[in-house]
Amino acid sequence: MRFAMCATNSFLRSLGVEIYASGHRRWSDTAKAQAVAETLEVGATVNAVAKRYGILPNQLSAWRRQAKQGKLLLPAPDADAPLFAPLVVSAGPEEAAEALTVPNEAIRLIFGEIAIELPLQTSASRIAEIAHALEASSC
């Protein structure tokens, strides 16, 4: 049991978690985000990830809520993994005239009231990072 505790503490320190002699831990936003990101992997469960990090599942769920509210920014997905983002194409009467003013040399991302224009040479991974950040900031 002691070996498992040492291994967990070593793992947590590598993520930047401060561990005090009293057993209290101070979690950096990076460490919290890493734990939350692991719960989003295919087949992962909150309970399994919480056990790996040595925390209660309800604490991890609270961090997931923070990420959903945009209070905790998650790391970008692995660049080697295929990335998918939902795409909605719409051209209502107001949007059609506005779309004509966008230069042909730009990629335009629209998320609610937010519009972002990117050069055509923007990599797919960068576009996915931005879309991921926008999705994380929504309620």
N, C-alpha and C. Protein backbone atom coordinates (compact mmCIF):
# COMPACT_ATOMS: atom_id res chain seq x y z
N MET A 1 0.83 -1.20 0.00
CA MET A 1 0.00 0.00 0.00
C MET A 1 0.87 1.26 0.00
N ARG A 2 1.95 1.23 0.79
CA ARG A 2 2.84 2.39 0.85
C ARG A 2 3.46 2.65 -0.51
N PHE A 3 3.84 1.58 -1.25
CA PHE A 3 4.42 1.74 -2.57
C PHE A 3 3.43 2.42 -3.51
N ALA A 4 2.17 2.02 -3.45
CA ALA A 4 1.14 2.62 -4.31
C ALA A 4 0.98 4.11 -4.00
N MET A 5 1.04 4.48 -2.72
CA MET A 5 0.92 5.88 -2.33
C MET A 5 2.10 6.69 -2.84
N CYS A 6 3.31 6.11 -2.74
CA CYS A 6 4.51 6.79 -3.23
C CYS A 6 4.44 6.97 -4.74
N ALA A 7 3.98 5.95 -5.44
CA ALA A 7 3.86 6.03 -6.90
C ALA A 7 2.84 7.10 -7.29
N THR A 8 1.72 7.14 -6.57
CA THR A 8 0.69 8.15 -6.86
C THR A 8 1.24 9.54 -6.60
N ASN A 9 1.92 9.72 -5.47
CA ASN A 9 2.50 11.04 -5.14
C ASN A 9 3.54 11.45 -6.17
N SER A 10 4.36 10.51 -6.61
CA SER A 10 5.37 10.80 -7.62
C SER A 10 4.70 11.23 -8.93
N PHE A 11 3.66 10.50 -9.32
CA PHE A 11 2.91 10.83 -10.52
C PHE A 11 2.29 12.23 -10.40
N LEU A 12 1.69 12.53 -9.25
CA LEU A 12 1.04 13.82 -9.07
C LEU A 12 2.07 14.96 -9.05
N ARG A 13 3.21 14.75 -8.43
CA ARG A 13 4.26 15.77 -8.43
C ARG A 13 4.73 16.06 -9.85
N SER A 14 4.78 15.02 -10.69
CA SER A 14 5.21 15.22 -12.08
C SER A 14 4.22 16.10 -12.84
N LEU A 15 3.00 16.16 -12.36
CA LEU A 15 1.98 17.02 -12.98
C LEU A 15 1.96 18.42 -12.38
N GLY A 16 2.76 18.64 -11.34
CA GLY A 16 2.80 19.96 -10.72
C GLY A 16 1.92 20.10 -9.50
N VAL A 17 1.43 18.98 -8.97
CA VAL A 17 0.60 19.03 -7.76
C VAL A 17 1.52 19.17 -6.56
N GLU A 18 1.25 20.16 -5.72
CA GLU A 18 2.02 20.35 -4.49
C GLU A 18 1.43 19.45 -3.42
N ILE A 19 2.28 18.65 -2.78
CA ILE A 19 1.83 17.73 -1.74
C ILE A 19 2.53 18.11 -0.43
N TYR A 20 1.75 18.42 0.58
CA TYR A 20 2.28 18.87 1.87
C TYR A 20 2.40 17.69 2.84
N ALA A 21 3.20 17.86 3.87
CA ALA A 21 3.41 16.81 4.87
C ALA A 21 2.10 16.37 5.51
N SER A 22 1.15 17.28 5.61
CA SER A 22 -0.15 16.95 6.21
C SER A 22 -1.00 16.06 5.29
N GLY A 23 -0.55 15.90 4.04
CA GLY A 23 -1.33 15.13 3.09
C GLY A 23 -2.18 16.01 2.18
N HIS A 24 -2.29 17.29 2.56
CA HIS A 24 -3.05 18.24 1.74
C HIS A 24 -2.37 18.40 0.39
N ARG A 25 -3.17 18.55 -0.66
CA ARG A 25 -2.63 18.74 -2.01
C ARG A 25 -3.15 20.04 -2.59
N ARG A 26 -2.29 20.73 -3.31
CA ARG A 26 -2.71 21.92 -4.04
C ARG A 26 -2.56 21.58 -5.53
N TRP A 27 -3.71 21.57 -6.22
CA TRP A 27 -3.76 21.17 -7.63
C TRP A 27 -3.62 22.40 -8.53
N SER A 28 -2.69 22.34 -9.46
CA SER A 28 -2.58 23.41 -10.46
C SER A 28 -3.71 23.23 -11.47
N ASP A 29 -4.04 24.31 -12.16
CA ASP A 29 -5.07 24.20 -13.20
C ASP A 29 -4.65 23.22 -14.29
N THR A 30 -3.35 23.14 -14.55
CA THR A 30 -2.85 22.21 -15.56
C THR A 30 -3.12 20.76 -15.14
N ALA A 31 -2.88 20.44 -13.87
CA ALA A 31 -3.12 19.09 -13.37
C ALA A 31 -4.61 18.76 -13.39
N LYS A 32 -5.44 19.71 -12.98
CA LYS A 32 -6.89 19.51 -13.02
C LYS A 32 -7.35 19.26 -14.45
N ALA A 33 -6.84 20.09 -15.38
CA ALA A 33 -7.23 19.96 -16.78
C ALA A 33 -6.82 18.61 -17.35
N GLN A 34 -5.64 18.13 -16.97
CA GLN A 34 -5.16 16.83 -17.43
C GLN A 34 -6.10 15.72 -16.96
N ALA A 35 -6.51 15.77 -15.70
CA ALA A 35 -7.42 14.76 -15.16
C ALA A 35 -8.76 14.81 -15.88
N VAL A 36 -9.28 16.01 -16.09
CA VAL A 36 -10.56 16.16 -16.80
C VAL A 36 -10.44 15.63 -18.22
N ALA A 37 -9.35 15.97 -18.90
CA ALA A 37 -9.16 15.51 -20.28
C ALA A 37 -9.16 13.99 -20.36
N GLU A 38 -8.58 13.34 -19.35
CA GLU A 38 -8.56 11.88 -19.35
C GLU A 38 -9.97 11.30 -19.25
N THR A 39 -10.89 12.00 -18.58
CA THR A 39 -12.27 11.49 -18.47
C THR A 39 -13.00 11.58 -19.81
N LEU A 40 -12.49 12.37 -20.74
CA LEU A 40 -13.13 12.54 -22.04
C LEU A 40 -12.64 11.54 -23.08
N GLU A 41 -11.65 10.73 -22.73
CA GLU A 41 -11.13 9.73 -23.65
C GLU A 41 -12.14 8.60 -23.77
N VAL A 42 -12.14 7.97 -24.94
CA VAL A 42 -13.07 6.87 -25.21
C VAL A 42 -12.86 5.75 -24.19
N GLY A 43 -13.94 5.32 -23.56
CA GLY A 43 -13.90 4.23 -22.60
C GLY A 43 -13.54 4.64 -21.18
N ALA A 44 -13.15 5.88 -20.97
CA ALA A 44 -12.76 6.33 -19.63
C ALA A 44 -14.00 6.61 -18.79
N THR A 45 -13.85 6.43 -17.49
CA THR A 45 -14.93 6.78 -16.56
C THR A 45 -14.38 7.74 -15.51
N VAL A 46 -15.26 8.53 -14.97
CA VAL A 46 -14.87 9.47 -13.91
C VAL A 46 -14.31 8.69 -12.72
N ASN A 47 -14.95 7.59 -12.36
CA ASN A 47 -14.50 6.80 -11.21
C ASN A 47 -13.08 6.26 -11.41
N ALA A 48 -12.80 5.73 -12.60
CA ALA A 48 -11.48 5.16 -12.86
C ALA A 48 -10.40 6.24 -12.86
N VAL A 49 -10.68 7.38 -13.47
CA VAL A 49 -9.70 8.46 -13.51
C VAL A 49 -9.50 9.03 -12.11
N ALA A 50 -10.57 9.19 -11.36
CA ALA A 50 -10.45 9.70 -9.98
C ALA A 50 -9.57 8.77 -9.14
N LYS A 51 -9.75 7.48 -9.31
CA LYS A 51 -8.94 6.51 -8.55
C LYS A 51 -7.47 6.64 -8.94
N ARG A 52 -7.20 6.82 -10.23
CA ARG A 52 -5.81 6.96 -10.71
C ARG A 52 -5.14 8.20 -10.09
N TYR A 53 -5.92 9.27 -9.92
CA TYR A 53 -5.38 10.52 -9.37
C TYR A 53 -5.49 10.60 -7.85
N GLY A 54 -6.11 9.61 -7.25
CA GLY A 54 -6.22 9.59 -5.80
C GLY A 54 -7.17 10.65 -5.25
N ILE A 55 -8.25 10.92 -5.99
CA ILE A 55 -9.24 11.91 -5.55
C ILE A 55 -10.62 11.28 -5.57
N LEU A 56 -11.57 11.95 -4.96
CA LEU A 56 -12.95 11.48 -4.98
C LEU A 56 -13.60 11.82 -6.32
N PRO A 57 -14.45 10.94 -6.83
CA PRO A 57 -15.11 11.20 -8.11
C PRO A 57 -15.88 12.52 -8.15
N ASN A 58 -16.47 12.92 -7.02
CA ASN A 58 -17.23 14.18 -7.03
C ASN A 58 -16.31 15.39 -7.20
N GLN A 59 -15.04 15.29 -6.76
CA GLN A 59 -14.09 16.38 -6.98
C GLN A 59 -13.77 16.50 -8.46
N LEU A 60 -13.56 15.36 -9.11
CA LEU A 60 -13.28 15.35 -10.54
C LEU A 60 -14.50 15.86 -11.32
N SER A 61 -15.68 15.50 -10.89
CA SER A 61 -16.90 16.00 -11.54
C SER A 61 -17.01 17.52 -11.41
N ALA A 62 -16.59 18.06 -10.26
CA ALA A 62 -16.61 19.51 -10.08
C ALA A 62 -15.64 20.18 -11.06
N TRP A 63 -14.47 19.57 -11.27
CA TRP A 63 -13.52 20.12 -12.23
C TRP A 63 -14.08 20.05 -13.65
N ARG A 64 -14.82 18.97 -13.94
CA ARG A 64 -15.45 18.85 -15.27
C ARG A 64 -16.46 19.98 -15.48
N ARG A 65 -17.22 20.31 -14.42
CA ARG A 65 -18.17 21.42 -14.51
C ARG A 65 -17.43 22.74 -14.76
N GLN A 66 -16.31 22.94 -14.09
CA GLN A 66 -15.51 24.15 -14.31
C GLN A 66 -15.05 24.23 -15.77
N ALA A 67 -14.63 23.12 -16.32
CA ALA A 67 -14.20 23.10 -17.72
C ALA A 67 -15.37 23.43 -18.64
N LYS A 68 -16.53 22.89 -18.34
CA LYS A 68 -17.72 23.16 -19.15
C LYS A 68 -18.11 24.63 -19.11
N GLN A 69 -17.87 25.27 -17.97
CA GLN A 69 -18.20 26.68 -17.80
C GLN A 69 -17.10 27.61 -18.31
N GLY A 70 -16.01 27.02 -18.82
CA GLY A 70 -14.91 27.82 -19.34
C GLY A 70 -13.97 28.34 -18.27
N LYS A 71 -14.09 27.84 -17.06
CA LYS A 71 -13.23 28.29 -15.96
C LYS A 71 -11.95 27.45 -15.87
N LEU A 72 -11.88 26.39 -16.66
CA LEU A 72 -10.72 25.51 -16.67
C LEU A 72 -10.47 25.11 -18.12
N LEU A 73 -9.36 25.56 -18.67
CA LEU A 73 -9.04 25.30 -20.07
C LEU A 73 -8.34 23.96 -20.20
N LEU A 74 -8.91 23.08 -21.03
CA LEU A 74 -8.35 21.75 -21.22
C LEU A 74 -7.22 21.79 -22.24
N PRO A 75 -6.29 20.84 -22.13
CA PRO A 75 -5.21 20.80 -23.11
C PRO A 75 -5.76 20.40 -24.47
N ALA A 76 -5.07 20.82 -25.53
CA ALA A 76 -5.48 20.45 -26.88
C ALA A 76 -5.34 18.94 -27.03
N PRO A 77 -6.20 18.34 -27.81
CA PRO A 77 -6.09 16.89 -28.04
C PRO A 77 -4.76 16.56 -28.71
N ASP A 78 -4.34 15.32 -28.57
CA ASP A 78 -3.10 14.83 -29.18
C ASP A 78 -3.14 15.08 -30.68
N ALA A 79 -2.09 15.69 -31.22
CA ALA A 79 -2.05 16.06 -32.64
C ALA A 79 -2.06 14.83 -33.54
N ASP A 80 -1.64 13.68 -33.04
CA ASP A 80 -1.62 12.47 -33.87
C ASP A 80 -2.99 11.81 -33.97
N ALA A 81 -3.85 12.10 -33.03
CA ALA A 81 -5.18 11.49 -33.04
C ALA A 81 -6.08 12.23 -34.02
N PRO A 82 -6.99 11.52 -34.66
CA PRO A 82 -7.91 12.22 -35.57
C PRO A 82 -8.81 13.16 -34.77
N LEU A 83 -9.02 14.35 -35.30
CA LEU A 83 -9.81 15.35 -34.61
C LEU A 83 -11.09 15.62 -35.40
N PHE A 84 -12.19 15.72 -34.70
CA PHE A 84 -13.45 16.02 -35.33
C PHE A 84 -14.13 17.14 -34.56
N ALA A 85 -14.77 18.03 -35.27
CA ALA A 85 -15.52 19.11 -34.65
C ALA A 85 -16.84 19.24 -35.40
N PRO A 86 -17.94 19.52 -34.71
CA PRO A 86 -19.20 19.68 -35.41
C PRO A 86 -19.15 20.91 -36.32
N LEU A 87 -19.76 20.79 -37.46
CA LEU A 87 -19.80 21.89 -38.42
C LEU A 87 -21.24 22.13 -38.82
N VAL A 88 -21.68 23.38 -38.71
CA VAL A 88 -23.03 23.75 -39.11
C VAL A 88 -22.91 24.80 -40.19
N VAL A 89 -23.53 24.54 -41.33
CA VAL A 89 -23.52 25.49 -42.43
C VAL A 89 -24.91 26.05 -42.55
N SER A 90 -24.99 27.38 -42.51
CA SER A 90 -26.29 28.00 -42.64
C SER A 90 -26.14 29.31 -43.39
N ALA A 91 -27.10 29.61 -44.21
CA ALA A 91 -27.07 30.87 -44.96
C ALA A 91 -28.48 31.46 -44.96
N GLY A 92 -28.83 32.02 -43.82
CA GLY A 92 -30.12 32.72 -43.73
C GLY A 92 -30.01 34.04 -44.47
N PRO A 93 -31.09 34.76 -44.62
CA PRO A 93 -31.06 36.01 -45.38
C PRO A 93 -30.02 37.01 -44.87
N GLU A 94 -29.89 37.15 -43.54
CA GLU A 94 -28.93 38.11 -43.00
C GLU A 94 -27.51 37.59 -43.17
N GLU A 95 -27.33 36.29 -42.98
CA GLU A 95 -25.99 35.71 -43.03
C GLU A 95 -25.44 35.67 -44.45
N ALA A 96 -26.29 35.52 -45.45
CA ALA A 96 -25.82 35.41 -46.83
C ALA A 96 -25.09 36.68 -47.25
N ALA A 97 -25.64 37.84 -46.95
CA ALA A 97 -25.00 39.10 -47.33
C ALA A 97 -23.70 39.29 -46.55
N GLU A 98 -23.69 38.91 -45.28
CA GLU A 98 -22.48 39.04 -44.45
C GLU A 98 -21.39 38.10 -44.95
N ALA A 99 -21.76 36.90 -45.37
CA ALA A 99 -20.78 35.92 -45.84
C ALA A 99 -20.06 36.41 -47.09
N LEU A 100 -20.72 37.22 -47.91
CA LEU A 100 -20.11 37.71 -49.13
C LEU A 100 -18.96 38.67 -48.85
N THR A 101 -18.96 39.29 -47.67
CA THR A 101 -17.91 40.26 -47.35
C THR A 101 -16.65 39.61 -46.81
N VAL A 102 -16.68 38.30 -46.54
CA VAL A 102 -15.51 37.59 -46.02
C VAL A 102 -14.57 37.29 -47.18
N PRO A 103 -13.30 37.67 -47.08
CA PRO A 103 -12.38 37.39 -48.17
C PRO A 103 -12.26 35.90 -48.43
N ASN A 104 -12.01 35.53 -49.67
CA ASN A 104 -11.87 34.12 -50.02
C ASN A 104 -10.63 33.48 -49.41
N GLU A 105 -9.71 34.29 -48.90
CA GLU A 105 -8.47 33.78 -48.34
C GLU A 105 -8.59 33.51 -46.84
N ALA A 106 -9.77 33.32 -46.31
CA ALA A 106 -9.93 33.15 -44.87
C ALA A 106 -10.84 31.98 -44.55
N ILE A 107 -10.57 31.39 -43.40
CA ILE A 107 -11.47 30.38 -42.82
C ILE A 107 -12.21 31.11 -41.71
N ARG A 108 -13.51 30.99 -41.68
CA ARG A 108 -14.29 31.72 -40.68
C ARG A 108 -14.97 30.71 -39.76
N LEU A 109 -14.72 30.86 -38.46
CA LEU A 109 -15.37 30.05 -37.44
C LEU A 109 -16.38 30.92 -36.73
N ILE A 110 -17.61 30.47 -36.64
CA ILE A 110 -18.65 31.23 -35.94
C ILE A 110 -19.19 30.36 -34.82
N PHE A 111 -19.16 30.91 -33.61
CA PHE A 111 -19.65 30.21 -32.44
C PHE A 111 -20.52 31.18 -31.66
N GLY A 112 -21.82 31.11 -31.84
CA GLY A 112 -22.73 32.06 -31.20
C GLY A 112 -22.46 33.45 -31.72
N GLU A 113 -22.09 34.36 -30.83
CA GLU A 113 -21.80 35.74 -31.18
C GLU A 113 -20.33 35.95 -31.57
N ILE A 114 -19.53 34.89 -31.48
CA ILE A 114 -18.10 35.00 -31.75
C ILE A 114 -17.81 34.58 -33.18
N ALA A 115 -17.08 35.40 -33.91
CA ALA A 115 -16.63 35.06 -35.27
C ALA A 115 -15.11 35.22 -35.31
N ILE A 116 -14.44 34.18 -35.78
CA ILE A 116 -12.99 34.19 -35.87
C ILE A 116 -12.59 33.91 -37.31
N GLU A 117 -11.73 34.75 -37.86
CA GLU A 117 -11.22 34.54 -39.21
C GLU A 117 -9.77 34.12 -39.13
N LEU A 118 -9.43 33.06 -39.86
CA LEU A 118 -8.08 32.51 -39.86
C LEU A 118 -7.58 32.41 -41.30
N PRO A 119 -6.28 32.52 -41.50
CA PRO A 119 -5.75 32.36 -42.86
C PRO A 119 -5.98 30.93 -43.36
N LEU A 120 -6.09 30.77 -44.68
CA LEU A 120 -6.30 29.45 -45.26
C LEU A 120 -5.21 28.46 -44.87
N GLN A 121 -3.99 28.95 -44.64
CA GLN A 121 -2.90 28.06 -44.31
C GLN A 121 -2.93 27.56 -42.86
N THR A 122 -3.92 27.96 -42.08
CA THR A 122 -4.03 27.51 -40.69
C THR A 122 -4.17 26.00 -40.67
N SER A 123 -3.37 25.35 -39.83
CA SER A 123 -3.39 23.88 -39.79
C SER A 123 -4.70 23.37 -39.18
N ALA A 124 -5.05 22.17 -39.57
CA ALA A 124 -6.27 21.55 -39.04
C ALA A 124 -6.18 21.39 -37.53
N SER A 125 -4.98 21.08 -37.02
CA SER A 125 -4.85 20.91 -35.57
C SER A 125 -5.09 22.23 -34.83
N ARG A 126 -4.64 23.35 -35.41
CA ARG A 126 -4.86 24.66 -34.77
C ARG A 126 -6.35 25.00 -34.79
N ILE A 127 -7.01 24.73 -35.91
CA ILE A 127 -8.46 25.00 -36.01
C ILE A 127 -9.19 24.16 -34.97
N ALA A 128 -8.78 22.89 -34.82
CA ALA A 128 -9.41 22.02 -33.83
C ALA A 128 -9.18 22.53 -32.41
N GLU A 129 -7.96 23.05 -32.12
CA GLU A 129 -7.68 23.61 -30.79
C GLU A 129 -8.62 24.77 -30.49
N ILE A 130 -8.80 25.65 -31.49
CA ILE A 130 -9.66 26.82 -31.30
C ILE A 130 -11.10 26.37 -31.10
N ALA A 131 -11.57 25.43 -31.93
CA ALA A 131 -12.94 24.93 -31.79
C ALA A 131 -13.12 24.27 -30.43
N HIS A 132 -12.12 23.53 -29.98
CA HIS A 132 -12.18 22.86 -28.67
C HIS A 132 -12.27 23.91 -27.56
N ALA A 133 -11.48 24.97 -27.66
CA ALA A 133 -11.50 26.03 -26.64
C ALA A 133 -12.84 26.74 -26.64
N LEU A 134 -13.40 26.99 -27.82
CA LEU A 134 -14.71 27.63 -27.89
C LEU A 134 -15.79 26.75 -27.28
N GLU A 135 -15.74 25.46 -27.56
CA GLU A 135 -16.73 24.53 -27.01
C GLU A 135 -16.60 24.46 -25.50
N ALA A 136 -15.36 24.48 -25.00
CA ALA A 136 -15.13 24.40 -23.55
C ALA A 136 -15.65 25.65 -22.85
N SER A 137 -15.68 26.77 -23.56
CA SER A 137 -16.12 28.01 -22.91
C SER A 137 -17.63 28.17 -22.91
N SER A 138 -18.35 27.26 -23.58
CA SER A 138 -19.81 27.38 -23.60
C SER A 138 -20.42 26.78 -22.35
N CYS A 139 -21.63 27.20 -22.01
CA CYS A 139 -22.30 26.67 -20.81
C CYS A 139 -23.04 25.40 -21.12
